[in-house]
Amino acid sequence: MQQIAPRPVRWTREQYLQMSEMGFFHRCRVELIGGEIIEMAAQYDLHLAAITLTADALRNSFGAGYWVRVQGSLDLSPHGIPDPDVAVTLGSPQGSTRTIATSALLVVEVSDSTLAYDRNAMASLYAVAGVTDYWIVNLVQRQLEVHRNPVADPSKLFGFGYSNRIILDPGDTMAPLAAPKAPVAVAVLLP
């Protein structure tokens, strides 16, 4: 008798969005990553405070003409539909339609319990999607990790990673690639 190994079901963008529309994920925090539906952990005040501080700092840096989105979905098909903690896109919330952004100038994940996941799986996802500026607000070491220059890397989950990684401490500043004249103090991102 032939042996067949079980295979997980890989969900498509369309299936995921349809299930979401039908209320399948009502009161659940989930993301579609690599065809898998990933349940997100509960958020504590430290995590929420860092998201708020980061979004406020980026609104000051970017100003008008940019939308600093908090935990809004990004359609990075075919690889996933994550809900990054903060993402900056062109435009404004005024006149929004029933669509999902497909790119971002800057993506930020605030990380404490998911640090390894954000450094590996999420970095590879954002790199393959062409996100040129990916930041991790590292609450464990109280640092900002800046990932830039997406490159092919077969050892990574989605076959891409970042060739440039900069670690910054609370006394340092970093300007987003899309707002080079508006540096952000790392200290203002940390609660």
C-alpha atoms as a PDB file:
ATOM      1  CA  MET A   1       0.000   0.000   0.000  1.00  0.00           C
ATOM      2  CA  GLN A   2       1.320   3.442  -0.958  1.00  0.00           C
ATOM      3  CA  GLN A   3       2.057   5.804   1.940  1.00  0.00           C
ATOM      4  CA  ILE A   4       0.836   9.383   1.601  1.00  0.00           C
ATOM      5  CA  ALA A   5       2.027  12.068   3.981  1.00  0.00           C
ATOM      6  CA  PRO A   6      -0.621  14.527   5.180  1.00  0.00           C
ATOM      7  CA  ARG A   7      -0.274  18.050   3.810  1.00  0.00           C
ATOM      8  CA  PRO A   8      -1.540  21.254   5.399  1.00  0.00           C
ATOM      9  CA  VAL A   9      -4.132  23.296   3.537  1.00  0.00           C
ATOM     10  CA  ARG A  10      -2.653  26.503   2.108  1.00  0.00           C
ATOM     11  CA  TRP A  11      -5.220  29.276   2.037  1.00  0.00           C
ATOM     12  CA  THR A  12      -5.325  31.768  -0.831  1.00  0.00           C
ATOM     13  CA  ARG A  13      -5.851  35.496  -0.540  1.00  0.00           C
ATOM     14  CA  GLU A  14      -9.363  35.110  -1.943  1.00  0.00           C
ATOM     15  CA  GLN A  15     -10.317  32.336   0.493  1.00  0.00           C
ATOM     16  CA  TYR A  16      -8.940  34.295   3.443  1.00  0.00           C
ATOM     17  CA  LEU A  17     -10.777  37.488   2.500  1.00  0.00           C
ATOM     18  CA  GLN A  18     -14.004  35.574   1.853  1.00  0.00           C
ATOM     19  CA  MET A  19     -13.812  33.893   5.269  1.00  0.00           C
ATOM     20  CA  SER A  20     -13.145  37.280   6.836  1.00  0.00           C
ATOM     21  CA  GLU A  21     -16.168  38.809   5.057  1.00  0.00           C
ATOM     22  CA  MET A  22     -18.346  35.966   6.331  1.00  0.00           C
ATOM     23  CA  GLY A  23     -17.293  36.732   9.917  1.00  0.00           C
ATOM     24  CA  PHE A  24     -15.251  33.567  10.304  1.00  0.00           C
ATOM     25  CA  PHE A  25     -12.550  35.458  12.232  1.00  0.00           C
ATOM     26  CA  HIS A  26     -14.950  37.598  14.282  1.00  0.00           C
ATOM     27  CA  ARG A  27     -13.167  38.669  17.480  1.00  0.00           C
ATOM     28  CA  CYS A  28      -9.986  36.880  16.407  1.00  0.00           C
ATOM     29  CA  ARG A  29      -6.693  38.566  15.600  1.00  0.00           C
ATOM     30  CA  VAL A  30      -5.308  36.635  12.650  1.00  0.00           C
ATOM     31  CA  GLU A  31      -3.014  37.156   9.663  1.00  0.00           C
ATOM     32  CA  LEU A  32      -2.480  35.179   6.474  1.00  0.00           C
ATOM     33  CA  ILE A  33       1.236  34.379   6.215  1.00  0.00           C
ATOM     34  CA  GLY A  34       2.567  31.976   3.606  1.00  0.00           C
ATOM     35  CA  GLY A  35      -0.868  30.436   3.115  1.00  0.00           C
ATOM     36  CA  GLU A  36      -1.309  29.740   6.833  1.00  0.00           C
ATOM     37  CA  ILE A  37      -3.762  31.542   9.098  1.00  0.00           C
ATOM     38  CA  ILE A  38      -1.747  32.673  12.111  1.00  0.00           C
ATOM     39  CA  GLU A  39      -3.438  33.635  15.381  1.00  0.00           C
ATOM     40  CA  MET A  40      -1.817  36.662  16.978  1.00  0.00           C
ATOM     41  CA  ALA A  41      -1.078  36.912  20.708  1.00  0.00           C
ATOM     42  CA  ALA A  42      -2.891  39.227  23.102  1.00  0.00           C
ATOM     43  CA  GLN A  43      -1.402  42.710  23.360  1.00  0.00           C
ATOM     44  CA  TYR A  44      -0.300  44.139  26.681  1.00  0.00           C
ATOM     45  CA  ASP A  45      -0.020  47.832  27.555  1.00  0.00           C
ATOM     46  CA  LEU A  46       3.744  47.898  26.878  1.00  0.00           C
ATOM     47  CA  HIS A  47       3.173  46.703  23.311  1.00  0.00           C
ATOM     48  CA  LEU A  48       0.235  49.066  22.730  1.00  0.00           C
ATOM     49  CA  ALA A  49       2.163  52.014  24.171  1.00  0.00           C
ATOM     50  CA  ALA A  50       5.076  51.379  21.797  1.00  0.00           C
ATOM     51  CA  ILE A  51       2.682  51.183  18.830  1.00  0.00           C
ATOM     52  CA  THR A  52       1.096  54.507  19.829  1.00  0.00           C
ATOM     53  CA  LEU A  53       4.463  56.204  20.390  1.00  0.00           C
ATOM     54  CA  THR A  54       5.823  54.896  17.085  1.00  0.00           C
ATOM     55  CA  ALA A  55       2.762  55.987  15.099  1.00  0.00           C
ATOM     56  CA  ASP A  56       2.865  59.458  16.697  1.00  0.00           C
ATOM     57  CA  ALA A  57       6.584  59.865  15.937  1.00  0.00           C
ATOM     58  CA  LEU A  58       6.127  58.771  12.320  1.00  0.00           C
ATOM     59  CA  ARG A  59       3.167  61.133  11.812  1.00  0.00           C
ATOM     60  CA  ASN A  60       5.477  63.956  12.905  1.00  0.00           C
ATOM     61  CA  SER A  61       8.239  62.773  10.556  1.00  0.00           C
ATOM     62  CA  PHE A  62       6.133  62.170   7.467  1.00  0.00           C
ATOM     63  CA  GLY A  63       3.472  64.874   7.742  1.00  0.00           C
ATOM     64  CA  ALA A  64       0.786  65.540   5.140  1.00  0.00           C
ATOM     65  CA  GLY A  65       0.490  63.289   2.118  1.00  0.00           C
ATOM     66  CA  TYR A  66       1.266  60.126   4.065  1.00  0.00           C
ATOM     67  CA  TRP A  67      -0.975  57.748   5.974  1.00  0.00           C
ATOM     68  CA  VAL A  68       0.499  56.255   9.137  1.00  0.00           C
ATOM     69  CA  ARG A  69      -1.634  53.130   9.489  1.00  0.00           C
ATOM     70  CA  VAL A  70      -1.963  51.270  12.778  1.00  0.00           C
ATOM     71  CA  GLN A  71      -2.532  47.510  12.521  1.00  0.00           C
ATOM     72  CA  GLY A  72      -4.085  47.777   9.068  1.00  0.00           C
ATOM     73  CA  SER A  73      -3.810  44.908   6.624  1.00  0.00           C
ATOM     74  CA  LEU A  74      -1.267  44.891   3.790  1.00  0.00           C
ATOM     75  CA  ASP A  75      -2.031  42.654   0.814  1.00  0.00           C
ATOM     76  CA  LEU A  76       1.364  41.196  -0.040  1.00  0.00           C
ATOM     77  CA  SER A  77      -0.074  38.466  -2.263  1.00  0.00           C
ATOM     78  CA  PRO A  78       0.730  35.787  -3.032  1.00  0.00           C
ATOM     79  CA  HIS A  79       2.762  35.560   0.186  1.00  0.00           C
ATOM     80  CA  GLY A  80       0.382  36.908   2.801  1.00  0.00           C
ATOM     81  CA  ILE A  81      -1.858  39.561   4.277  1.00  0.00           C
ATOM     82  CA  PRO A  82      -0.167  40.695   7.496  1.00  0.00           C
ATOM     83  CA  ASP A  83      -1.421  43.410   9.849  1.00  0.00           C
ATOM     84  CA  PRO A  84       1.815  45.199  10.764  1.00  0.00           C
ATOM     85  CA  ASP A  85       1.769  47.246  13.947  1.00  0.00           C
ATOM     86  CA  VAL A  86       2.531  50.406  11.946  1.00  0.00           C
ATOM     87  CA  ALA A  87       2.881  50.994   8.210  1.00  0.00           C
ATOM     88  CA  VAL A  88       3.348  54.210   6.264  1.00  0.00           C
ATOM     89  CA  THR A  89       1.744  54.540   2.839  1.00  0.00           C
ATOM     90  CA  LEU A  90       1.282  57.387   0.400  1.00  0.00           C
ATOM     91  CA  GLY A  91      -2.015  59.224   0.624  1.00  0.00           C
ATOM     92  CA  SER A  92      -4.503  59.915   3.358  1.00  0.00           C
ATOM     93  CA  PRO A  93      -7.357  58.147   5.129  1.00  0.00           C
ATOM     94  CA  GLN A  94      -9.701  60.704   3.536  1.00  0.00           C
ATOM     95  CA  GLY A  95     -11.545  59.157   0.610  1.00  0.00           C
ATOM     96  CA  SER A  96     -10.569  55.593   1.497  1.00  0.00           C
ATOM     97  CA  THR A  97     -12.331  52.797  -0.340  1.00  0.00           C
ATOM     98  CA  ARG A  98     -12.998  49.152   0.449  1.00  0.00           C
ATOM     99  CA  THR A  99      -9.533  48.020  -0.603  1.00  0.00           C
ATOM    100  CA  ILE A 100      -6.385  46.823   1.148  1.00  0.00           C
ATOM    101  CA  ALA A 101      -3.043  48.576   0.670  1.00  0.00           C
ATOM    102  CA  THR A 102      -0.592  46.549  -1.400  1.00  0.00           C
ATOM    103  CA  SER A 103       2.643  48.334  -0.513  1.00  0.00           C
ATOM    104  CA  ALA A 104       4.209  50.489   2.183  1.00  0.00           C
ATOM    105  CA  LEU A 105       7.114  52.904   2.356  1.00  0.00           C
ATOM    106  CA  LEU A 106       7.934  51.768   5.886  1.00  0.00           C
ATOM    107  CA  VAL A 107       6.699  48.837   7.968  1.00  0.00           C
ATOM    108  CA  VAL A 108       7.218  48.637  11.736  1.00  0.00           C
ATOM    109  CA  GLU A 109       6.631  45.677  14.027  1.00  0.00           C
ATOM    110  CA  VAL A 110       6.728  46.223  17.785  1.00  0.00           C
ATOM    111  CA  SER A 111       8.224  43.115  19.280  1.00  0.00           C
ATOM    112  CA  ASP A 112       8.590  41.515  22.652  1.00  0.00           C
ATOM    113  CA  SER A 113       7.355  37.906  22.663  1.00  0.00           C
ATOM    114  CA  THR A 114       7.532  37.609  18.831  1.00  0.00           C
ATOM    115  CA  LEU A 115      11.062  38.910  18.302  1.00  0.00           C
ATOM    116  CA  ALA A 116      12.454  35.811  16.541  1.00  0.00           C
ATOM    117  CA  TYR A 117       9.346  35.576  14.330  1.00  0.00           C
ATOM    118  CA  ASP A 118       9.578  39.268  13.383  1.00  0.00           C
ATOM    119  CA  ARG A 119      13.310  38.988  12.614  1.00  0.00           C
ATOM    120  CA  ASN A 120      12.888  35.897  10.468  1.00  0.00           C
ATOM    121  CA  ALA A 121       9.472  35.102   8.970  1.00  0.00           C
ATOM    122  CA  MET A 122       8.152  38.665   8.883  1.00  0.00           C
ATOM    123  CA  ALA A 123      11.433  40.121   7.625  1.00  0.00           C
ATOM    124  CA  SER A 124      11.448  37.588   4.785  1.00  0.00           C
ATOM    125  CA  LEU A 125       7.804  38.352   3.953  1.00  0.00           C
ATOM    126  CA  TYR A 126       8.373  42.113   3.831  1.00  0.00           C
ATOM    127  CA  ALA A 127      11.605  41.663   1.847  1.00  0.00           C
ATOM    128  CA  VAL A 128       9.992  39.459  -0.836  1.00  0.00           C
ATOM    129  CA  ALA A 129       7.196  42.052  -1.107  1.00  0.00           C
ATOM    130  CA  GLY A 130       9.768  44.775  -1.809  1.00  0.00           C
ATOM    131  CA  VAL A 131       9.414  46.734   1.442  1.00  0.00           C
ATOM    132  CA  THR A 132      12.687  48.674   1.465  1.00  0.00           C
ATOM    133  CA  ASP A 133      12.479  49.964   5.053  1.00  0.00           C
ATOM    134  CA  TYR A 134      11.464  47.511   7.811  1.00  0.00           C
ATOM    135  CA  TRP A 135      11.863  48.449  11.466  1.00  0.00           C
ATOM    136  CA  ILE A 136      11.507  46.337  14.593  1.00  0.00           C
ATOM    137  CA  VAL A 137      10.937  48.201  17.850  1.00  0.00           C
ATOM    138  CA  ASN A 138      12.678  45.655  20.069  1.00  0.00           C
ATOM    139  CA  LEU A 139      11.122  45.979  23.530  1.00  0.00           C
ATOM    140  CA  VAL A 140      13.300  43.172  24.934  1.00  0.00           C
ATOM    141  CA  GLN A 141      16.672  44.900  24.391  1.00  0.00           C
ATOM    142  CA  ARG A 142      15.122  48.415  24.130  1.00  0.00           C
ATOM    143  CA  GLN A 143      16.556  48.943  20.651  1.00  0.00           C
ATOM    144  CA  LEU A 144      15.419  49.778  17.153  1.00  0.00           C
ATOM    145  CA  GLU A 145      16.410  47.255  14.490  1.00  0.00           C
ATOM    146  CA  VAL A 146      16.398  48.696  10.973  1.00  0.00           C
ATOM    147  CA  HIS A 147      16.338  46.278   8.032  1.00  0.00           C
ATOM    148  CA  ARG A 148      17.030  47.625   4.537  1.00  0.00           C
ATOM    149  CA  ASN A 149      17.980  46.499   1.043  1.00  0.00           C
ATOM    150  CA  PRO A 150      15.851  43.420   0.260  1.00  0.00           C
ATOM    151  CA  VAL A 151      17.845  40.707  -1.531  1.00  0.00           C
ATOM    152  CA  ALA A 152      17.298  37.143  -2.685  1.00  0.00           C
ATOM    153  CA  ASP A 153      18.311  34.679   0.018  1.00  0.00           C
ATOM    154  CA  PRO A 154      17.253  31.049  -0.502  1.00  0.00           C
ATOM    155  CA  SER A 155      17.839  30.283   3.190  1.00  0.00           C
ATOM    156  CA  LYS A 156      14.931  32.549   4.206  1.00  0.00           C
ATOM    157  CA  LEU A 157      11.290  31.469   4.459  1.00  0.00           C
ATOM    158  CA  PHE A 158      10.126  33.394   1.383  1.00  0.00           C
ATOM    159  CA  GLY A 159      13.487  33.310  -0.423  1.00  0.00           C
ATOM    160  CA  PHE A 160      14.321  36.932   0.439  1.00  0.00           C
ATOM    161  CA  GLY A 161      15.903  38.790   3.336  1.00  0.00           C
ATOM    162  CA  TYR A 162      17.627  42.087   4.028  1.00  0.00           C
ATOM    163  CA  SER A 163      21.320  42.673   3.398  1.00  0.00           C
ATOM    164  CA  ASN A 164      21.522  45.660   5.744  1.00  0.00           C
ATOM    165  CA  ARG A 165      20.629  45.472   9.451  1.00  0.00           C
ATOM    166  CA  ILE A 166      21.340  48.370  11.796  1.00  0.00           C
ATOM    167  CA  ILE A 167      20.896  48.179  15.582  1.00  0.00           C
ATOM    168  CA  LEU A 168      20.177  51.477  17.338  1.00  0.00           C
ATOM    169  CA  ASP A 169      20.049  52.318  21.041  1.00  0.00           C
ATOM    170  CA  PRO A 170      17.764  54.826  22.819  1.00  0.00           C
ATOM    171  CA  GLY A 171      20.270  57.682  22.375  1.00  0.00           C
ATOM    172  CA  ASP A 172      20.372  57.221  18.574  1.00  0.00           C
ATOM    173  CA  THR A 173      18.215  58.596  15.754  1.00  0.00           C
ATOM    174  CA  MET A 174      17.156  57.116  12.408  1.00  0.00           C
ATOM    175  CA  ALA A 175      15.476  58.736   9.427  1.00  0.00           C
ATOM    176  CA  PRO A 176      13.022  56.698   7.366  1.00  0.00           C
ATOM    177  CA  LEU A 177      14.190  56.166   3.780  1.00  0.00           C
ATOM    178  CA  ALA A 178      11.042  57.940   2.543  1.00  0.00           C
ATOM    179  CA  ALA A 179      11.576  60.913   4.915  1.00  0.00           C
ATOM    180  CA  PRO A 180      15.366  61.320   5.009  1.00  0.00           C
ATOM    181  CA  LYS A 181      15.255  64.834   6.488  1.00  0.00           C
ATOM    182  CA  ALA A 182      13.024  63.828   9.408  1.00  0.00           C
ATOM    183  CA  PRO A 183      15.002  61.642  11.814  1.00  0.00           C
ATOM    184  CA  VAL A 184      13.205  59.861  14.638  1.00  0.00           C
ATOM    185  CA  ALA A 185      14.764  59.556  18.096  1.00  0.00           C
ATOM    186  CA  VAL A 186      14.784  55.901  19.131  1.00  0.00           C
ATOM    187  CA  ALA A 187      13.942  56.932  22.711  1.00  0.00           C
ATOM    188  CA  VAL A 188      10.529  58.310  21.662  1.00  0.00           C
ATOM    189  CA  LEU A 189       9.527  54.882  20.309  1.00  0.00           C
ATOM    190  CA  LEU A 190      10.144  53.128  23.629  1.00  0.00           C
ATOM    191  CA  PRO A 191       7.676  53.379  26.547  1.00  0.00           C
END
